[in-house]
């Protein structure tokens, strides 16, 4: 294609980020109105966290696709490399602060950890961006790292 590598990668991400944000908004509304969980913090901060995480997750998917040849292989690699460890080490089942040794450090590697901090902070603790900016900074670092690695590993395909 006549586009630059980053333009190509971001163009592939935009539709998935849009779909992810629709899903995220549905989950926030479900949490708020069906489960009656009060939102003590800022809805714009929560939505910004969702969009940041969507960009990070899709950039990680693009990084995995740089190593795999088929979509099925990419799907299984993403599941094994990110989904299973994220559920176990990001604070979804057990708080990261209560993990010990290598499990704690392993948990800090996943962007889902920082989304969990933001979500819990905005919903239950009434935290705002000024309280959560470090979590956003770490997710931004993940995005830059994954995107740059994807751009460097992207293979140019000839017609």
N, C-alpha and C. Protein backbone atom coordinates (compact mmCIF):
# COMPACT_ATOMS: atom_id res chain seq x y z
N UNK A 1 0.84 -1.19 0.00
CA UNK A 1 0.00 0.00 0.00
C UNK A 1 0.88 1.24 0.00
N UNK A 2 0.35 2.36 -0.47
CA UNK A 2 1.15 3.59 -0.49
C UNK A 2 1.18 4.30 0.86
N UNK A 3 0.64 3.71 1.90
CA UNK A 3 0.62 4.35 3.21
C UNK A 3 1.88 4.04 3.99
N UNK A 4 2.13 4.84 4.99
CA UNK A 4 3.24 4.58 5.91
C UNK A 4 2.84 3.44 6.84
N UNK A 5 3.81 2.86 7.49
CA UNK A 5 3.54 1.73 8.39
C UNK A 5 2.57 2.09 9.50
N UNK A 6 2.79 3.22 10.17
CA UNK A 6 1.91 3.61 11.27
C UNK A 6 0.50 3.92 10.78
N UNK A 7 0.38 4.53 9.61
CA UNK A 7 -0.95 4.80 9.04
C UNK A 7 -1.68 3.49 8.77
N UNK A 8 -0.98 2.54 8.25
CA UNK A 8 -1.56 1.23 7.96
C UNK A 8 -2.03 0.57 9.25
N UNK A 9 -1.16 0.57 10.29
CA UNK A 9 -1.51 -0.07 11.55
C UNK A 9 -2.69 0.62 12.22
N UNK A 10 -2.67 1.94 12.27
CA UNK A 10 -3.77 2.67 12.92
C UNK A 10 -5.06 2.54 12.13
N UNK A 11 -4.95 2.46 10.80
CA UNK A 11 -6.14 2.24 9.99
C UNK A 11 -6.79 0.90 10.26
N UNK A 12 -5.96 -0.10 10.56
CA UNK A 12 -6.51 -1.41 10.92
C UNK A 12 -7.14 -1.39 12.30
N UNK A 13 -6.66 -0.53 13.18
CA UNK A 13 -7.14 -0.49 14.55
C UNK A 13 -8.46 0.26 14.71
N UNK A 14 -8.68 1.30 13.96
CA UNK A 14 -9.82 2.20 14.18
C UNK A 14 -11.16 1.47 14.25
N UNK A 15 -11.49 0.58 13.31
CA UNK A 15 -12.80 -0.09 13.43
C UNK A 15 -12.93 -0.93 14.70
N UNK A 16 -11.86 -1.59 15.09
CA UNK A 16 -11.91 -2.42 16.28
C UNK A 16 -12.03 -1.58 17.55
N UNK A 17 -11.36 -0.44 17.58
CA UNK A 17 -11.48 0.46 18.72
C UNK A 17 -12.91 1.01 18.81
N UNK A 18 -13.51 1.34 17.68
CA UNK A 18 -14.89 1.84 17.67
C UNK A 18 -15.85 0.77 18.21
N UNK A 19 -15.69 -0.46 17.77
CA UNK A 19 -16.55 -1.55 18.25
C UNK A 19 -16.31 -1.79 19.75
N UNK A 20 -15.06 -1.75 20.15
CA UNK A 20 -14.73 -1.95 21.57
C UNK A 20 -15.36 -0.87 22.44
N UNK A 21 -15.40 0.35 21.95
CA UNK A 21 -15.98 1.44 22.74
C UNK A 21 -17.49 1.30 22.85
N UNK A 22 -18.13 0.82 21.83
CA UNK A 22 -19.58 0.55 21.92
C UNK A 22 -19.82 -0.52 22.98
N UNK A 23 -19.02 -1.58 22.96
CA UNK A 23 -19.13 -2.64 23.97
C UNK A 23 -18.84 -2.10 25.37
N UNK A 24 -17.81 -1.28 25.48
CA UNK A 24 -17.42 -0.72 26.78
C UNK A 24 -18.54 0.16 27.35
N UNK A 25 -19.13 0.99 26.49
CA UNK A 25 -20.24 1.84 26.93
C UNK A 25 -21.42 0.98 27.39
N UNK A 26 -21.71 -0.09 26.67
CA UNK A 26 -22.79 -1.00 27.09
C UNK A 26 -22.49 -1.61 28.45
N UNK A 27 -21.24 -2.00 28.68
CA UNK A 27 -20.87 -2.58 29.97
C UNK A 27 -20.97 -1.56 31.10
N UNK A 28 -20.56 -0.32 30.84
CA UNK A 28 -20.67 0.73 31.85
C UNK A 28 -22.14 0.99 32.18
N UNK A 29 -22.99 1.07 31.16
CA UNK A 29 -24.41 1.29 31.39
C UNK A 29 -25.05 0.11 32.13
N UNK A 30 -24.67 -1.09 31.77
CA UNK A 30 -25.16 -2.28 32.45
C UNK A 30 -24.75 -2.26 33.92
N UNK A 31 -23.51 -1.95 34.17
CA UNK A 31 -23.01 -1.89 35.54
C UNK A 31 -23.77 -0.84 36.35
N UNK A 32 -23.97 0.31 35.74
CA UNK A 32 -24.61 1.43 36.44
C UNK A 32 -26.11 1.20 36.67
N UNK A 33 -26.82 0.79 35.64
CA UNK A 33 -28.28 0.77 35.74
C UNK A 33 -28.89 -0.60 36.04
N UNK A 34 -28.28 -1.68 35.60
CA UNK A 34 -28.83 -3.00 35.90
C UNK A 34 -28.34 -3.48 37.26
N UNK A 35 -27.02 -3.36 37.49
CA UNK A 35 -26.46 -3.81 38.76
C UNK A 35 -26.45 -2.73 39.83
N UNK A 36 -26.88 -1.53 39.48
CA UNK A 36 -27.03 -0.42 40.42
C UNK A 36 -25.73 -0.05 41.15
N UNK A 37 -24.59 -0.13 40.44
CA UNK A 37 -23.32 0.28 41.02
C UNK A 37 -23.17 1.78 40.76
N UNK A 38 -23.10 2.59 41.81
CA UNK A 38 -22.98 4.03 41.60
C UNK A 38 -21.60 4.39 41.05
N UNK A 39 -21.59 5.34 40.15
CA UNK A 39 -20.34 5.85 39.60
C UNK A 39 -19.95 7.07 40.41
N UNK A 40 -19.01 6.91 41.32
CA UNK A 40 -18.62 7.99 42.22
C UNK A 40 -17.62 8.95 41.58
N UNK A 41 -16.91 8.48 40.55
CA UNK A 41 -15.91 9.30 39.88
C UNK A 41 -16.45 9.92 38.62
N UNK A 42 -15.60 10.11 37.66
CA UNK A 42 -15.92 10.82 36.43
C UNK A 42 -16.18 9.86 35.28
N UNK A 43 -17.34 10.01 34.63
CA UNK A 43 -17.65 9.19 33.46
C UNK A 43 -16.69 9.48 32.30
N UNK A 44 -16.34 10.76 32.02
CA UNK A 44 -15.36 11.00 30.94
C UNK A 44 -14.01 10.32 31.20
N UNK A 45 -13.57 10.29 32.45
CA UNK A 45 -12.30 9.61 32.78
C UNK A 45 -12.44 8.11 32.52
N UNK A 46 -13.56 7.55 32.92
CA UNK A 46 -13.80 6.13 32.70
C UNK A 46 -13.84 5.80 31.21
N UNK A 47 -14.51 6.62 30.42
CA UNK A 47 -14.58 6.38 28.97
C UNK A 47 -13.20 6.58 28.31
N UNK A 48 -12.45 7.55 28.79
CA UNK A 48 -11.09 7.76 28.27
C UNK A 48 -10.23 6.54 28.57
N UNK A 49 -10.41 5.96 29.75
CA UNK A 49 -9.68 4.73 30.09
C UNK A 49 -10.05 3.61 29.14
N UNK A 50 -11.33 3.52 28.81
CA UNK A 50 -11.77 2.49 27.87
C UNK A 50 -11.15 2.65 26.50
N UNK A 51 -11.09 3.88 26.02
CA UNK A 51 -10.51 4.09 24.70
C UNK A 51 -9.00 3.86 24.72
N UNK A 52 -8.35 4.26 25.80
CA UNK A 52 -6.90 4.00 25.90
C UNK A 52 -6.62 2.50 25.91
N UNK A 53 -7.40 1.77 26.70
CA UNK A 53 -7.19 0.33 26.78
C UNK A 53 -7.50 -0.35 25.44
N UNK A 54 -8.51 0.13 24.74
CA UNK A 54 -8.84 -0.44 23.43
C UNK A 54 -7.69 -0.26 22.46
N UNK A 55 -7.06 0.91 22.47
CA UNK A 55 -5.90 1.14 21.60
C UNK A 55 -4.74 0.24 21.99
N UNK A 56 -4.52 0.06 23.29
CA UNK A 56 -3.43 -0.80 23.75
C UNK A 56 -3.69 -2.25 23.35
N UNK A 57 -4.91 -2.71 23.58
CA UNK A 57 -5.24 -4.11 23.27
C UNK A 57 -5.13 -4.40 21.78
N UNK A 58 -5.62 -3.47 20.95
CA UNK A 58 -5.53 -3.71 19.51
C UNK A 58 -4.08 -3.60 19.02
N UNK A 59 -3.29 -2.73 19.64
CA UNK A 59 -1.87 -2.66 19.24
C UNK A 59 -1.14 -3.93 19.63
N UNK A 60 -1.52 -4.54 20.75
CA UNK A 60 -0.92 -5.83 21.12
C UNK A 60 -1.34 -6.91 20.12
N UNK A 61 -2.59 -6.87 19.70
CA UNK A 61 -3.05 -7.81 18.67
C UNK A 61 -2.28 -7.67 17.38
N UNK A 62 -1.98 -6.44 16.99
CA UNK A 62 -1.18 -6.22 15.78
C UNK A 62 0.25 -6.74 15.96
N UNK A 63 0.78 -6.59 17.16
CA UNK A 63 2.12 -7.11 17.43
C UNK A 63 2.13 -8.63 17.30
N UNK A 64 1.13 -9.29 17.84
CA UNK A 64 1.03 -10.74 17.72
C UNK A 64 0.90 -11.14 16.25
N UNK A 65 0.11 -10.39 15.49
CA UNK A 65 -0.09 -10.73 14.08
C UNK A 65 1.19 -10.58 13.27
N UNK A 66 2.14 -9.80 13.77
CA UNK A 66 3.42 -9.67 13.08
C UNK A 66 4.24 -10.97 13.17
N UNK A 67 3.95 -11.79 14.17
CA UNK A 67 4.69 -13.03 14.37
C UNK A 67 3.98 -14.25 13.81
N UNK A 68 2.70 -14.14 13.57
CA UNK A 68 1.93 -15.31 13.14
C UNK A 68 1.55 -15.20 11.67
N UNK A 69 1.28 -16.34 11.06
CA UNK A 69 0.94 -16.35 9.63
C UNK A 69 -0.56 -16.44 9.38
N UNK A 70 -1.31 -17.00 10.33
CA UNK A 70 -2.75 -17.15 10.12
C UNK A 70 -3.52 -16.46 11.24
N UNK A 71 -4.78 -16.18 10.95
CA UNK A 71 -5.64 -15.54 11.94
C UNK A 71 -5.91 -16.46 13.13
N UNK A 72 -6.06 -17.73 12.87
CA UNK A 72 -6.28 -18.70 13.95
C UNK A 72 -5.08 -18.75 14.88
N UNK A 73 -3.88 -18.75 14.32
CA UNK A 73 -2.67 -18.75 15.15
C UNK A 73 -2.60 -17.48 15.99
N UNK A 74 -2.96 -16.35 15.40
CA UNK A 74 -2.95 -15.09 16.14
C UNK A 74 -3.97 -15.12 17.27
N UNK A 75 -5.13 -15.68 17.01
CA UNK A 75 -6.18 -15.77 18.02
C UNK A 75 -5.73 -16.62 19.21
N UNK A 76 -5.16 -17.77 18.94
CA UNK A 76 -4.69 -18.63 20.03
C UNK A 76 -3.50 -18.02 20.76
N UNK A 77 -2.60 -17.38 20.03
CA UNK A 77 -1.47 -16.72 20.67
C UNK A 77 -1.93 -15.61 21.59
N UNK A 78 -2.89 -14.81 21.14
CA UNK A 78 -3.41 -13.72 21.98
C UNK A 78 -4.07 -14.28 23.23
N UNK A 79 -4.81 -15.36 23.08
CA UNK A 79 -5.47 -15.98 24.22
C UNK A 79 -4.45 -16.46 25.25
N UNK A 80 -3.45 -17.17 24.78
CA UNK A 80 -2.48 -17.78 25.68
C UNK A 80 -1.55 -16.72 26.29
N UNK A 81 -1.10 -15.77 25.47
CA UNK A 81 -0.13 -14.78 25.93
C UNK A 81 -0.76 -13.68 26.77
N UNK A 82 -2.00 -13.28 26.44
CA UNK A 82 -2.54 -12.12 27.15
C UNK A 82 -3.78 -12.41 27.98
N UNK A 83 -4.75 -13.10 27.44
CA UNK A 83 -6.03 -13.24 28.15
C UNK A 83 -5.91 -14.06 29.44
N UNK A 84 -5.33 -15.22 29.36
CA UNK A 84 -5.25 -16.08 30.53
C UNK A 84 -4.40 -15.44 31.64
N UNK A 85 -3.20 -14.95 31.34
CA UNK A 85 -2.43 -14.28 32.41
C UNK A 85 -3.09 -12.98 32.90
N UNK A 86 -3.76 -12.25 32.01
CA UNK A 86 -4.42 -11.01 32.45
C UNK A 86 -5.50 -11.30 33.47
N UNK A 87 -6.28 -12.32 33.24
CA UNK A 87 -7.35 -12.66 34.19
C UNK A 87 -6.74 -13.07 35.53
N UNK A 88 -5.67 -13.82 35.49
CA UNK A 88 -5.07 -14.33 36.73
C UNK A 88 -4.22 -13.32 37.48
N UNK A 89 -3.60 -12.35 36.77
CA UNK A 89 -2.62 -11.49 37.42
C UNK A 89 -2.93 -9.99 37.37
N UNK A 90 -4.07 -9.58 36.82
CA UNK A 90 -4.34 -8.15 36.67
C UNK A 90 -5.21 -7.56 37.77
N UNK A 91 -5.68 -8.38 38.67
CA UNK A 91 -6.54 -7.88 39.73
C UNK A 91 -8.00 -8.24 39.53
N UNK A 92 -8.32 -8.98 38.48
CA UNK A 92 -9.71 -9.38 38.27
C UNK A 92 -10.15 -10.41 39.31
N UNK A 93 -9.26 -11.32 39.66
CA UNK A 93 -9.60 -12.36 40.63
C UNK A 93 -9.04 -12.06 42.01
N UNK A 94 -7.85 -11.53 42.06
CA UNK A 94 -7.16 -11.24 43.31
C UNK A 94 -6.38 -9.94 43.12
N UNK A 95 -6.46 -9.00 44.07
CA UNK A 95 -5.76 -7.72 43.90
C UNK A 95 -4.26 -7.91 43.66
N UNK A 96 -3.71 -7.14 42.75
CA UNK A 96 -2.29 -7.25 42.41
C UNK A 96 -1.44 -6.98 43.65
N UNK A 97 -1.87 -6.05 44.50
CA UNK A 97 -1.10 -5.72 45.70
C UNK A 97 -0.95 -6.91 46.64
N UNK A 98 -1.87 -7.87 46.56
CA UNK A 98 -1.78 -9.04 47.44
C UNK A 98 -0.94 -10.17 46.84
N UNK A 99 -0.52 -10.02 45.59
CA UNK A 99 0.33 -11.03 44.97
C UNK A 99 1.75 -10.90 45.53
N UNK A 100 2.48 -11.99 45.53
CA UNK A 100 3.83 -11.98 46.10
C UNK A 100 4.87 -12.32 45.05
N UNK A 101 6.06 -11.79 45.24
CA UNK A 101 7.21 -12.12 44.42
C UNK A 101 7.02 -11.88 42.94
N UNK A 102 7.37 -12.92 42.16
CA UNK A 102 7.30 -12.82 40.71
C UNK A 102 5.89 -12.60 40.19
N UNK A 103 4.89 -13.12 40.89
CA UNK A 103 3.50 -12.93 40.45
C UNK A 103 3.12 -11.46 40.47
N UNK A 104 3.61 -10.73 41.48
CA UNK A 104 3.32 -9.29 41.55
C UNK A 104 3.94 -8.57 40.36
N UNK A 105 5.21 -8.85 40.08
CA UNK A 105 5.89 -8.18 38.97
C UNK A 105 5.30 -8.60 37.63
N UNK A 106 4.91 -9.84 37.52
CA UNK A 106 4.26 -10.34 36.31
C UNK A 106 2.93 -9.60 36.09
N UNK A 107 2.19 -9.39 37.17
CA UNK A 107 0.92 -8.67 37.08
C UNK A 107 1.07 -7.23 36.63
N UNK A 108 2.18 -6.61 36.96
CA UNK A 108 2.38 -5.22 36.56
C UNK A 108 2.71 -5.06 35.08
N UNK A 109 2.97 -6.17 34.39
CA UNK A 109 3.29 -6.10 32.96
C UNK A 109 2.05 -5.95 32.08
N UNK A 110 0.88 -6.27 32.58
CA UNK A 110 -0.32 -6.31 31.76
C UNK A 110 -1.09 -5.01 31.81
N UNK A 111 -1.48 -4.47 30.65
CA UNK A 111 -2.27 -3.24 30.63
C UNK A 111 -3.61 -3.39 31.35
N UNK A 112 -4.15 -4.59 31.41
CA UNK A 112 -5.44 -4.81 32.10
C UNK A 112 -5.34 -4.44 33.57
N UNK A 113 -4.17 -4.57 34.16
CA UNK A 113 -3.97 -4.19 35.56
C UNK A 113 -4.30 -2.72 35.76
N UNK A 114 -3.86 -1.89 34.84
CA UNK A 114 -4.04 -0.45 34.98
C UNK A 114 -5.47 -0.05 34.65
N UNK A 115 -6.11 -0.75 33.73
CA UNK A 115 -7.53 -0.50 33.48
C UNK A 115 -8.35 -0.88 34.71
N UNK A 116 -8.00 -1.98 35.37
CA UNK A 116 -8.71 -2.38 36.59
C UNK A 116 -8.56 -1.32 37.67
N UNK A 117 -7.36 -0.77 37.83
CA UNK A 117 -7.14 0.29 38.82
C UNK A 117 -8.02 1.50 38.52
N UNK A 118 -8.10 1.88 37.26
CA UNK A 118 -8.90 3.04 36.87
C UNK A 118 -10.39 2.76 37.07
N UNK A 119 -10.83 1.59 36.65
CA UNK A 119 -12.25 1.25 36.76
C UNK A 119 -12.69 1.20 38.21
N UNK A 120 -11.94 0.50 39.04
CA UNK A 120 -12.29 0.43 40.46
C UNK A 120 -12.19 1.81 41.10
N UNK A 121 -11.17 2.56 40.72
CA UNK A 121 -10.99 3.90 41.28
C UNK A 121 -12.13 4.85 40.94
N UNK A 122 -12.60 4.81 39.69
CA UNK A 122 -13.67 5.73 39.30
C UNK A 122 -15.02 5.27 39.83
N UNK A 123 -15.28 3.98 39.77
CA UNK A 123 -16.59 3.50 40.22
C UNK A 123 -16.75 3.55 41.73
N UNK A 124 -15.81 3.00 42.46
CA UNK A 124 -16.04 2.81 43.90
C UNK A 124 -15.32 3.79 44.81
N UNK A 125 -14.26 4.43 44.32
CA UNK A 125 -13.49 5.32 45.18
C UNK A 125 -13.67 6.79 44.83
N UNK A 126 -14.35 7.09 43.72
CA UNK A 126 -14.56 8.47 43.33
C UNK A 126 -13.30 9.18 42.88
N UNK A 127 -12.36 8.45 42.29
CA UNK A 127 -11.11 9.05 41.85
C UNK A 127 -11.28 9.71 40.49
N UNK A 128 -10.44 10.70 40.23
CA UNK A 128 -10.47 11.43 38.98
C UNK A 128 -9.12 11.29 38.28
N UNK A 129 -8.98 11.95 37.13
CA UNK A 129 -7.76 11.81 36.33
C UNK A 129 -6.52 12.18 37.13
N UNK A 130 -6.62 13.22 37.94
CA UNK A 130 -5.45 13.66 38.72
C UNK A 130 -4.97 12.58 39.68
N UNK A 131 -5.88 11.69 40.09
CA UNK A 131 -5.51 10.60 40.98
C UNK A 131 -5.01 9.37 40.21
N UNK A 132 -5.40 9.27 38.96
CA UNK A 132 -5.16 8.04 38.18
C UNK A 132 -4.18 8.23 37.02
N UNK A 133 -3.55 9.37 36.92
CA UNK A 133 -2.74 9.67 35.74
C UNK A 133 -1.60 8.68 35.54
N UNK A 134 -1.05 8.13 36.61
CA UNK A 134 0.05 7.16 36.47
C UNK A 134 -0.41 5.91 35.73
N UNK A 135 -1.64 5.48 35.99
CA UNK A 135 -2.19 4.32 35.28
C UNK A 135 -2.34 4.62 33.79
N UNK A 136 -2.80 5.84 33.48
CA UNK A 136 -2.91 6.24 32.07
C UNK A 136 -1.54 6.31 31.41
N UNK A 137 -0.55 6.80 32.15
CA UNK A 137 0.81 6.91 31.59
C UNK A 137 1.39 5.53 31.27
N UNK A 138 1.15 4.57 32.14
CA UNK A 138 1.66 3.21 31.88
C UNK A 138 0.96 2.61 30.66
N UNK A 139 -0.36 2.82 30.54
CA UNK A 139 -1.07 2.30 29.36
C UNK A 139 -0.56 2.99 28.09
N UNK A 140 -0.27 4.28 28.18
CA UNK A 140 0.28 4.99 27.01
C UNK A 140 1.65 4.41 26.63
N UNK A 141 2.44 4.08 27.63
CA UNK A 141 3.73 3.45 27.36
C UNK A 141 3.58 2.10 26.69
N UNK A 142 2.61 1.32 27.13
CA UNK A 142 2.33 0.04 26.48
C UNK A 142 1.94 0.27 25.01
N UNK A 143 1.08 1.24 24.79
CA UNK A 143 0.63 1.52 23.42
C UNK A 143 1.81 1.90 22.52
N UNK A 144 2.66 2.79 22.98
CA UNK A 144 3.81 3.21 22.18
C UNK A 144 4.74 2.02 21.91
N UNK A 145 5.02 1.23 22.94
CA UNK A 145 5.90 0.08 22.77
C UNK A 145 5.34 -0.93 21.78
N UNK A 146 4.07 -1.32 21.97
CA UNK A 146 3.46 -2.30 21.07
C UNK A 146 3.38 -1.78 19.64
N UNK A 147 3.04 -0.51 19.48
CA UNK A 147 2.89 0.05 18.14
C UNK A 147 4.24 0.14 17.43
N UNK A 148 5.26 0.60 18.13
CA UNK A 148 6.58 0.70 17.51
C UNK A 148 7.13 -0.68 17.15
N UNK A 149 6.95 -1.65 18.03
CA UNK A 149 7.40 -3.01 17.71
C UNK A 149 6.64 -3.56 16.51
N UNK A 150 5.33 -3.31 16.46
CA UNK A 150 4.53 -3.77 15.31
C UNK A 150 5.00 -3.13 14.03
N UNK A 151 5.28 -1.83 14.08
CA UNK A 151 5.74 -1.12 12.88
C UNK A 151 7.08 -1.66 12.41
N UNK A 152 7.96 -1.95 13.34
CA UNK A 152 9.28 -2.47 12.97
C UNK A 152 9.21 -3.89 12.40
N UNK A 153 8.27 -4.68 12.90
CA UNK A 153 8.17 -6.07 12.47
C UNK A 153 7.21 -6.29 11.30
N UNK A 154 6.51 -5.24 10.89
CA UNK A 154 5.54 -5.36 9.81
C UNK A 154 6.25 -5.71 8.51
N UNK A 155 5.79 -6.79 7.90
CA UNK A 155 6.39 -7.24 6.64
C UNK A 155 5.65 -6.57 5.48
N UNK A 156 6.40 -6.04 4.56
CA UNK A 156 5.83 -5.44 3.37
C UNK A 156 5.46 -6.56 2.41
N UNK A 157 4.20 -6.60 2.00
CA UNK A 157 3.76 -7.64 1.08
C UNK A 157 3.65 -7.07 -0.32
N UNK A 158 4.23 -7.77 -1.26
CA UNK A 158 4.17 -7.36 -2.66
C UNK A 158 2.94 -7.96 -3.29
N UNK A 159 2.38 -7.28 -4.26
CA UNK A 159 1.17 -7.74 -4.94
C UNK A 159 1.44 -8.93 -5.82
